[in-house]
């Protein structure tokens, strides 16, 4: 039976359309733009990939530290909407200013700020899932969020691509083309943030205390302690840490990896656009399957598929192989992210969703930090990008091992 989304669920899904434009830009055009800046200033290709990896790692590490603290604070009555809107608006503003820095280090610093704000907004956004829908609808709503995010983000991306690829034909400079692209994506992000920010109502919350900041750290300590005692939550977070490592690393590093291998940049961008297009029906398919099959079983299928993708990427050196990889990623990317989010939402206390999703983000961003750092470090150490990718494939096996334990509880 088809499940029709209500207004609150639609507003929640719509934010995925807005923020996905940023992450698509970050995983496609932005590494190429940074490469053009850094190469013009004498940075070699191998160092470019390492610096980009380190910047991504710094942003994810910062979110891993800030996420649980701000997530816990957001659980107080009336706080979640405010911190969500603030982080989204600051991220969009930083994105709109990406064209300003001309020095490679200044650009990376601004990128780190934007990525931190983006990631923090997702902590609050994910934790809203318990407020806007019911447990029996979570898998479906979460999957549709990712699905519409993938296809919706293609619109500003395609507009940006016209300016970036045809700037000479249009009679403008590359810097002007990038400025237009960044502003378009920033406005898109803000526009799809406002419906949720204006109409969201925090259903589950903690009553405000006399000393909210102090109480936040007390509650965070208690949550960390409780999470260790709740075996299912603890094992899921451990499994999630490992298997989501490869997912986020592949998203963050795909274009940078392909560029460092010398593959055609236009082909890379179009291939990753195909990923978004394929991910739309694939995510909707997982939404349908989640009503008939156990979500745990579907997550296992996604983990195994990603392991195969990572193994294939180790020997990647041709353009058609990157295209094949892009299609494969699109088939499982939305499913593993959406089902992991809704699976976790079902096993945590509803009135502490912010702080628990802060821990969820620690595992996700902590894993991404490890993955991007490994690629950067191994590449710089050996001079071979493929060896860095090899370490990522192992993470999926470890994640599958622990997730098997979760499903047996």
Protein backbone atom coordinates (compact mmCIF):
# COMPACT_ATOMS: atom_id res chain seq x y z
CA UNK A 1 0.00 0.00 0.00
CA UNK A 2 1.31 3.44 -0.96
CA UNK A 3 2.02 5.74 1.99
CA UNK A 4 1.10 9.37 1.40
CA UNK A 5 3.26 11.89 3.26
CA UNK A 6 1.58 14.49 5.47
CA UNK A 7 2.56 18.19 5.41
CA UNK A 8 5.08 17.95 8.22
CA UNK A 9 6.77 14.94 6.62
CA UNK A 10 6.89 16.77 3.26
CA UNK A 11 8.55 19.81 4.86
CA UNK A 12 11.10 17.50 6.47
CA UNK A 13 11.81 15.74 3.16
CA UNK A 14 12.14 19.12 1.40
CA UNK A 15 15.18 20.07 3.52
CA UNK A 16 17.00 17.08 2.06
CA UNK A 17 16.45 18.63 -1.38
CA UNK A 18 18.06 21.86 -0.15
CA UNK A 19 21.11 20.55 1.71
CA UNK A 20 21.88 17.85 -0.89
CA UNK A 21 22.76 20.61 -3.37
CA UNK A 22 25.69 21.55 -1.13
CA UNK A 23 27.04 18.03 -0.74
CA UNK A 24 26.70 17.32 -4.48
CA UNK A 25 28.70 20.48 -5.19
CA UNK A 26 31.31 19.48 -2.59
CA UNK A 27 31.73 16.01 -4.08
CA UNK A 28 31.90 17.14 -7.72
CA UNK A 29 32.73 20.72 -8.75
CA UNK A 30 34.46 21.91 -5.59
CA UNK A 31 37.48 19.53 -5.64
CA UNK A 32 38.08 20.44 -9.29
CA UNK A 33 37.88 24.15 -8.44
CA UNK A 34 40.30 23.67 -5.55
CA UNK A 35 42.63 21.76 -7.85
CA UNK A 36 42.67 24.70 -10.26
CA UNK A 37 43.49 27.11 -7.40
CA UNK A 38 46.18 24.91 -5.85
CA UNK A 39 47.85 23.90 -9.13
CA UNK A 40 48.08 27.57 -10.16
CA UNK A 41 50.00 28.13 -6.92
CA UNK A 42 52.41 25.25 -7.53
CA UNK A 43 50.76 22.50 -5.43
CA UNK A 44 51.46 19.03 -6.98
CA UNK A 45 48.59 16.61 -7.74
CA UNK A 46 49.43 14.16 -4.93
CA UNK A 47 49.59 16.96 -2.35
CA UNK A 48 46.31 18.42 -3.66
CA UNK A 49 44.49 15.18 -2.84
CA UNK A 50 46.12 15.02 0.58
CA UNK A 51 45.25 18.63 1.47
CA UNK A 52 41.66 18.13 0.36
CA UNK A 53 41.48 14.94 2.44
CA UNK A 54 42.91 16.69 5.50
CA UNK A 55 40.42 19.59 5.19
CA UNK A 56 37.54 17.12 5.01
CA UNK A 57 38.98 15.25 7.99
CA UNK A 58 39.32 18.43 10.09
CA UNK A 59 35.68 19.38 9.45
CA UNK A 60 34.41 15.92 10.34
CA UNK A 61 36.55 15.80 13.50
CA UNK A 62 35.19 19.19 14.60
CA UNK A 63 31.61 17.98 14.10
CA UNK A 64 32.36 14.78 15.99
CA UNK A 65 33.30 16.97 18.98
CA UNK A 66 30.60 19.65 18.64
CA UNK A 67 27.78 17.39 17.48
CA UNK A 68 26.94 15.56 20.72
CA UNK A 69 27.20 18.76 22.78
CA UNK A 70 24.93 20.84 20.53
CA UNK A 71 22.67 17.84 19.90
CA UNK A 72 22.14 17.47 23.65
CA UNK A 73 21.47 21.20 24.01
CA UNK A 74 18.94 21.01 21.14
CA UNK A 75 16.77 18.57 23.11
CA UNK A 76 15.62 21.38 25.42
CA UNK A 77 12.18 22.76 24.66
CA UNK A 78 12.23 25.23 21.75
CA UNK A 79 15.98 24.91 21.07
CA UNK A 80 16.14 22.44 18.17
CA UNK A 81 14.52 24.73 15.59
CA UNK A 82 16.84 27.64 16.49
CA UNK A 83 20.12 25.74 16.30
CA UNK A 84 18.98 23.98 13.12
CA UNK A 85 18.16 27.25 11.36
CA UNK A 86 21.36 28.94 12.57
CA UNK A 87 23.63 26.15 11.34
CA UNK A 88 21.88 25.91 7.95
CA UNK A 89 21.97 29.66 7.32
CA UNK A 90 25.65 29.97 8.35
CA UNK A 91 26.54 27.05 6.07
CA UNK A 92 24.69 28.60 3.12
CA UNK A 93 26.35 31.98 3.73
CA UNK A 94 29.81 30.39 3.74
CA UNK A 95 28.92 28.56 0.51
CA UNK A 96 27.87 31.81 -1.15
CA UNK A 97 31.33 33.25 -0.30
CA UNK A 98 33.40 30.35 -1.72
CA UNK A 99 34.42 32.44 -4.75
CA UNK A 100 36.09 35.13 -2.59
CA UNK A 101 39.38 33.43 -1.44
CA UNK A 102 42.15 33.34 -4.05
CA UNK A 103 44.74 31.56 -1.86
CA UNK A 104 44.35 27.79 -1.51
CA UNK A 105 44.64 27.73 2.30
CA UNK A 106 42.04 30.49 2.76
CA UNK A 107 39.65 28.56 0.53
CA UNK A 108 40.14 25.38 2.56
CA UNK A 109 39.42 27.23 5.83
CA UNK A 110 36.14 28.59 4.44
CA UNK A 111 35.28 25.13 3.13
CA UNK A 112 35.87 23.65 6.60
CA UNK A 113 33.50 26.22 8.16
CA UNK A 114 30.76 25.49 5.60
CA UNK A 115 31.15 21.72 5.97
CA UNK A 116 30.92 21.97 9.78
CA UNK A 117 27.70 24.02 9.59
CA UNK A 118 26.22 21.66 7.01
CA UNK A 119 26.99 18.59 9.13
CA UNK A 120 25.65 20.17 12.33
CA UNK A 121 22.37 21.03 10.58
CA UNK A 122 21.99 17.35 9.67
CA UNK A 123 22.29 16.29 13.32
CA UNK A 124 19.29 18.43 14.24
CA UNK A 125 17.49 17.49 11.03
CA UNK A 126 17.92 13.75 11.56
CA UNK A 127 16.78 14.02 15.18
CA UNK A 128 13.56 15.73 14.01
CA UNK A 129 12.48 12.42 12.45
CA UNK A 130 11.00 11.25 15.77
CA UNK A 131 8.90 14.43 15.97
CA UNK A 132 7.50 14.56 12.45
CA UNK A 133 6.42 10.94 11.92
CA UNK A 134 5.60 7.64 13.64
CA UNK A 135 7.82 4.59 14.07
CA UNK A 136 5.99 2.51 11.46
CA UNK A 137 6.53 5.25 8.82
CA UNK A 138 10.18 6.10 9.61
CA UNK A 139 11.85 3.82 7.05
CA UNK A 140 9.59 5.12 4.29
CA UNK A 141 9.90 8.82 5.21
CA UNK A 142 13.68 8.60 5.72
CA UNK A 143 14.16 6.86 2.35
CA UNK A 144 12.03 9.44 0.54
CA UNK A 145 14.11 12.21 2.11
CA UNK A 146 17.26 10.83 0.53
CA UNK A 147 15.48 10.00 -2.75
CA UNK A 148 14.10 13.49 -3.34
CA UNK A 149 17.35 14.98 -2.07
CA UNK A 150 19.29 13.15 -4.78
CA UNK A 151 17.04 14.15 -7.67
CA UNK A 152 16.31 17.66 -6.37
CA UNK A 153 19.98 18.52 -5.98
CA UNK A 154 20.48 17.85 -9.69
CA UNK A 155 18.59 21.04 -10.63
CA UNK A 156 21.03 23.63 -9.18
CA UNK A 157 23.91 21.32 -10.12
CA UNK A 158 22.94 21.27 -13.80
CA UNK A 159 22.48 25.06 -13.84
CA UNK A 160 25.90 25.44 -12.20
CA UNK A 161 27.43 22.99 -14.67
CA UNK A 162 26.32 25.15 -17.61
CA UNK A 163 28.26 28.14 -16.23
CA UNK A 164 31.30 26.12 -15.12
CA UNK A 165 31.76 24.16 -18.36
CA UNK A 166 30.70 26.88 -20.81
CA UNK A 167 32.10 30.00 -19.14
CA UNK A 168 34.31 30.87 -22.13
CA UNK A 169 31.38 30.53 -24.53
CA UNK A 170 29.29 32.73 -22.24
CA UNK A 171 32.06 35.34 -22.24
CA UNK A 172 32.76 35.24 -18.49
CA UNK A 173 35.76 34.22 -16.39
CA UNK A 174 35.98 30.94 -14.47
CA UNK A 175 35.89 32.89 -11.20
CA UNK A 176 32.64 34.60 -12.23
CA UNK A 177 31.15 31.26 -13.28
CA UNK A 178 32.06 29.75 -9.92
CA UNK A 179 30.61 32.76 -8.08
CA UNK A 180 27.29 32.26 -9.88
CA UNK A 181 27.35 28.53 -9.10
CA UNK A 182 28.06 29.06 -5.41
CA UNK A 183 25.35 31.73 -4.99
CA UNK A 184 22.74 29.61 -6.84
CA UNK A 185 23.41 26.61 -4.58
CA UNK A 186 23.41 28.77 -1.44
CA UNK A 187 20.01 30.29 -2.32
CA UNK A 188 18.67 26.82 -3.14
CA UNK A 189 19.80 25.56 0.28
CA UNK A 190 18.22 28.50 2.13
CA UNK A 191 14.98 28.30 0.15
CA UNK A 192 14.36 24.67 1.08
CA UNK A 193 15.37 25.24 4.70
CA UNK A 194 12.68 27.79 5.54
CA UNK A 195 9.51 25.61 5.25
CA UNK A 196 10.80 23.17 7.90
CA UNK A 197 12.30 25.92 10.08
CA UNK A 198 9.06 27.92 10.16
CA UNK A 199 6.60 25.07 10.73
CA UNK A 200 8.52 22.43 12.74
CA UNK A 201 7.18 21.70 16.22
CA UNK A 202 9.37 19.88 18.74
CA UNK A 203 7.11 17.11 20.04
CA UNK A 204 9.62 15.40 22.34
CA UNK A 205 11.90 17.51 24.50
CA UNK A 206 13.60 17.98 27.86
CA UNK A 207 12.29 20.66 30.21
CA UNK A 208 14.73 23.63 30.45
CA UNK A 209 17.02 23.77 33.48
CA UNK A 210 18.42 26.67 35.50
CA UNK A 211 21.91 25.98 34.13
CA UNK A 212 21.34 24.50 30.65
CA UNK A 213 25.00 24.51 29.54
CA UNK A 214 26.21 22.70 32.66
CA UNK A 215 23.25 20.31 32.50
CA UNK A 216 24.03 19.61 28.83
CA UNK A 217 27.42 18.13 29.73
CA UNK A 218 25.91 16.17 32.65
CA UNK A 219 23.27 14.70 30.34
CA UNK A 220 25.84 13.97 27.64
CA UNK A 221 27.98 12.04 30.12
CA UNK A 222 24.90 10.09 31.23
CA UNK A 223 23.96 9.34 27.61
CA UNK A 224 27.45 8.04 26.83
CA UNK A 225 27.23 5.85 29.92
CA UNK A 226 23.71 4.63 29.07
CA UNK A 227 24.66 3.92 25.44
CA UNK A 228 27.35 1.50 26.63
CA UNK A 229 24.78 -0.29 28.78
CA UNK A 230 22.21 -0.48 25.97
CA UNK A 231 23.81 -3.29 24.03
CA UNK A 232 21.77 -2.91 20.85
CA UNK A 233 22.41 0.85 20.60
CA UNK A 234 26.11 0.43 21.40
CA UNK A 235 26.68 -2.38 18.86
CA UNK A 236 24.74 -0.52 16.18
CA UNK A 237 26.87 2.61 16.68
CA UNK A 238 30.02 0.47 16.51
CA UNK A 239 28.85 -1.20 13.30
CA UNK A 240 27.72 2.11 11.84
CA UNK A 241 31.12 3.65 12.57
CA UNK A 242 32.81 1.08 10.34
CA UNK A 243 30.40 0.56 7.45
CA UNK A 244 29.45 4.21 6.99
CA UNK A 245 33.17 5.03 6.77
CA UNK A 246 33.35 3.82 3.21
CA UNK A 247 30.05 5.41 2.25
CA UNK A 248 30.98 8.94 3.38
CA UNK A 249 34.55 8.61 2.16
CA UNK A 250 33.40 7.57 -1.31
CA UNK A 251 30.94 10.51 -1.38
CA UNK A 252 33.58 13.01 -0.22
CA UNK A 253 36.51 11.74 -2.25
CA UNK A 254 35.11 10.36 -5.55
CA UNK A 255 35.86 13.38 -7.74
CA UNK A 256 39.15 14.16 -5.99
CA UNK A 257 40.21 10.52 -6.45
CA UNK A 258 39.27 10.48 -10.14
CA UNK A 259 40.96 13.84 -10.75
CA UNK A 260 44.18 12.67 -9.11
CA UNK A 261 44.17 9.63 -11.44
CA UNK A 262 44.06 12.00 -14.40
CA UNK A 263 40.53 11.14 -15.55
CA UNK A 264 38.59 13.67 -17.63
CA UNK A 265 36.91 16.15 -15.28
CA UNK A 266 33.82 16.65 -17.43
CA UNK A 267 33.31 12.88 -17.52
CA UNK A 268 33.70 12.72 -13.74
CA UNK A 269 31.04 15.38 -13.20
CA UNK A 270 28.58 13.74 -15.56
CA UNK A 271 29.20 10.32 -14.01
CA UNK A 272 28.44 11.66 -10.53
CA UNK A 273 25.30 13.30 -11.91
CA UNK A 274 24.28 9.83 -13.05
CA UNK A 275 24.83 8.66 -9.44
CA UNK A 276 22.24 11.18 -8.24
CA UNK A 277 19.76 10.21 -10.95
CA UNK A 278 20.14 6.48 -10.28
CA UNK A 279 19.91 7.07 -6.51
CA UNK A 280 16.42 8.56 -6.85
CA UNK A 281 14.53 5.43 -8.01
CA UNK A 282 16.90 3.22 -6.01
CA UNK A 283 16.08 5.02 -2.75
CA UNK A 284 12.34 4.86 -3.50
CA UNK A 285 12.78 1.13 -4.16
CA UNK A 286 14.33 0.69 -0.70
CA UNK A 287 11.38 2.66 0.74
CA UNK A 288 9.01 0.11 -0.83
CA UNK A 289 11.13 -2.86 0.20
CA UNK A 290 11.31 -1.60 3.81
CA UNK A 291 7.53 -2.15 4.10
CA UNK A 292 7.93 -5.80 3.09
CA UNK A 293 11.42 -6.78 4.27
CA UNK A 294 13.26 -6.33 7.55
CA UNK A 295 15.36 -3.13 7.51
CA UNK A 296 18.29 -4.99 9.08
CA UNK A 297 18.40 -7.43 6.17
CA UNK A 298 18.34 -4.58 3.64
CA UNK A 299 21.19 -2.78 5.44
CA UNK A 300 23.31 -5.96 5.25
CA UNK A 301 22.71 -6.17 1.49
CA UNK A 302 23.88 -2.57 1.13
CA UNK A 303 27.04 -3.20 3.19
CA UNK A 304 28.02 -6.21 1.05
CA UNK A 305 27.35 -4.21 -2.14
CA UNK A 306 29.55 -1.36 -0.92
CA UNK A 307 32.34 -3.78 -0.07
CA UNK A 308 32.27 -4.98 -3.69
CA UNK A 309 32.28 -1.36 -4.90
CA UNK A 310 35.33 -0.53 -2.76
CA UNK A 311 37.23 -3.58 -4.01
CA UNK A 312 36.46 -2.63 -7.60
CA UNK A 313 37.69 0.94 -6.98
CA UNK A 314 41.15 -0.30 -5.96
CA UNK A 315 42.10 -1.07 -9.57
CA UNK A 316 40.14 1.81 -11.14
CA UNK A 317 42.12 3.65 -13.83
CA UNK A 318 39.73 4.09 -16.76
CA UNK A 319 36.85 6.48 -17.40
CA UNK A 320 34.27 3.75 -18.10
CA UNK A 321 35.16 2.06 -14.81
CA UNK A 322 34.40 5.30 -12.97
CA UNK A 323 31.01 5.44 -14.72
CA UNK A 324 30.26 1.86 -13.70
CA UNK A 325 31.28 2.71 -10.14
CA UNK A 326 29.01 5.78 -10.17
CA UNK A 327 25.97 3.72 -11.18
CA UNK A 328 26.71 1.07 -8.54
CA UNK A 329 27.06 3.68 -5.80
CA UNK A 330 23.75 5.24 -6.85
CA UNK A 331 21.97 1.92 -6.41
CA UNK A 332 22.85 1.58 -2.72
CA UNK A 333 23.85 5.02 -1.42
CA UNK A 334 20.37 6.21 -0.43
CA UNK A 335 19.30 2.86 0.94
CA UNK A 336 22.15 2.41 3.41
CA UNK A 337 21.95 6.02 4.64
CA UNK A 338 18.17 6.21 4.96
CA UNK A 339 17.66 2.82 6.59
CA UNK A 340 20.53 3.39 9.02
CA UNK A 341 18.97 6.69 10.09
CA UNK A 342 15.48 5.26 10.62
CA UNK A 343 16.81 2.03 12.21
CA UNK A 344 18.65 4.09 14.82
CA UNK A 345 15.65 6.38 15.42
CA UNK A 346 13.58 3.32 16.38
CA UNK A 347 15.96 2.06 19.08
CA UNK A 348 16.68 5.31 20.97
CA UNK A 349 14.64 7.29 23.57
CA UNK A 350 12.37 9.76 21.73
CA UNK A 351 12.88 12.69 24.13
CA UNK A 352 16.67 12.41 23.82
CA UNK A 353 16.86 12.16 20.02
CA UNK A 354 19.18 15.18 19.71
CA UNK A 355 21.86 13.82 22.00
CA UNK A 356 21.61 10.29 20.59
CA UNK A 357 21.83 11.57 17.03
CA UNK A 358 24.86 13.55 18.21
CA UNK A 359 26.47 10.20 19.05
CA UNK A 360 25.18 8.84 15.73
CA UNK A 361 26.98 11.69 14.01
CA UNK A 362 30.17 11.06 16.00
CA UNK A 363 30.24 7.56 14.55
CA UNK A 364 29.41 8.74 11.05
CA UNK A 365 31.75 11.71 10.98
CA UNK A 366 34.40 9.93 13.02
CA UNK A 367 34.45 7.16 10.46
CA UNK A 368 34.57 9.66 7.62
CA UNK A 369 37.50 11.36 9.35
CA UNK A 370 39.33 8.04 9.51
CA UNK A 371 38.57 7.16 5.89
CA UNK A 372 39.58 10.48 4.35
CA UNK A 373 42.65 10.68 6.58
CA UNK A 374 43.72 7.16 5.56
CA UNK A 375 43.40 7.97 1.87
CA UNK A 376 45.35 11.20 2.28
CA UNK A 377 48.05 9.68 4.50
CA UNK A 378 48.60 6.49 2.48
CA UNK A 379 48.58 8.43 -0.81
CA UNK A 380 51.16 10.90 0.46
CA UNK A 381 53.27 8.14 1.99
CA UNK A 382 53.29 5.77 -1.01
CA UNK A 383 52.40 8.00 -3.96
CA UNK A 384 49.66 5.48 -4.93
CA UNK A 385 46.03 6.55 -4.49
CA UNK A 386 44.74 2.99 -4.98
CA UNK A 387 46.41 1.74 -1.79
CA UNK A 388 44.43 4.25 0.28
CA UNK A 389 41.18 2.92 -1.17
CA UNK A 390 42.16 -0.63 -0.19
CA UNK A 391 41.91 0.26 3.51
CA UNK A 392 38.31 1.44 3.01
CA UNK A 393 37.11 -1.97 1.78
CA UNK A 394 38.18 -3.61 5.06
CA UNK A 395 35.98 -1.23 7.04
CA UNK A 396 32.86 -2.67 5.39
CA UNK A 397 33.75 -6.19 6.52
CA UNK A 398 34.22 -5.05 10.11
CA UNK A 399 30.93 -3.13 9.97
CA UNK A 400 29.07 -6.18 8.67
CA UNK A 401 30.49 -8.30 11.49
CA UNK A 402 29.17 -6.00 14.21
CA UNK A 403 25.85 -5.35 12.47
CA UNK A 404 25.22 -9.10 12.36
CA UNK A 405 25.47 -9.04 16.14
CA UNK A 406 22.92 -6.19 16.32
CA UNK A 407 20.31 -8.08 14.32
CA UNK A 408 20.64 -11.13 16.57
CA UNK A 409 19.58 -9.18 19.69
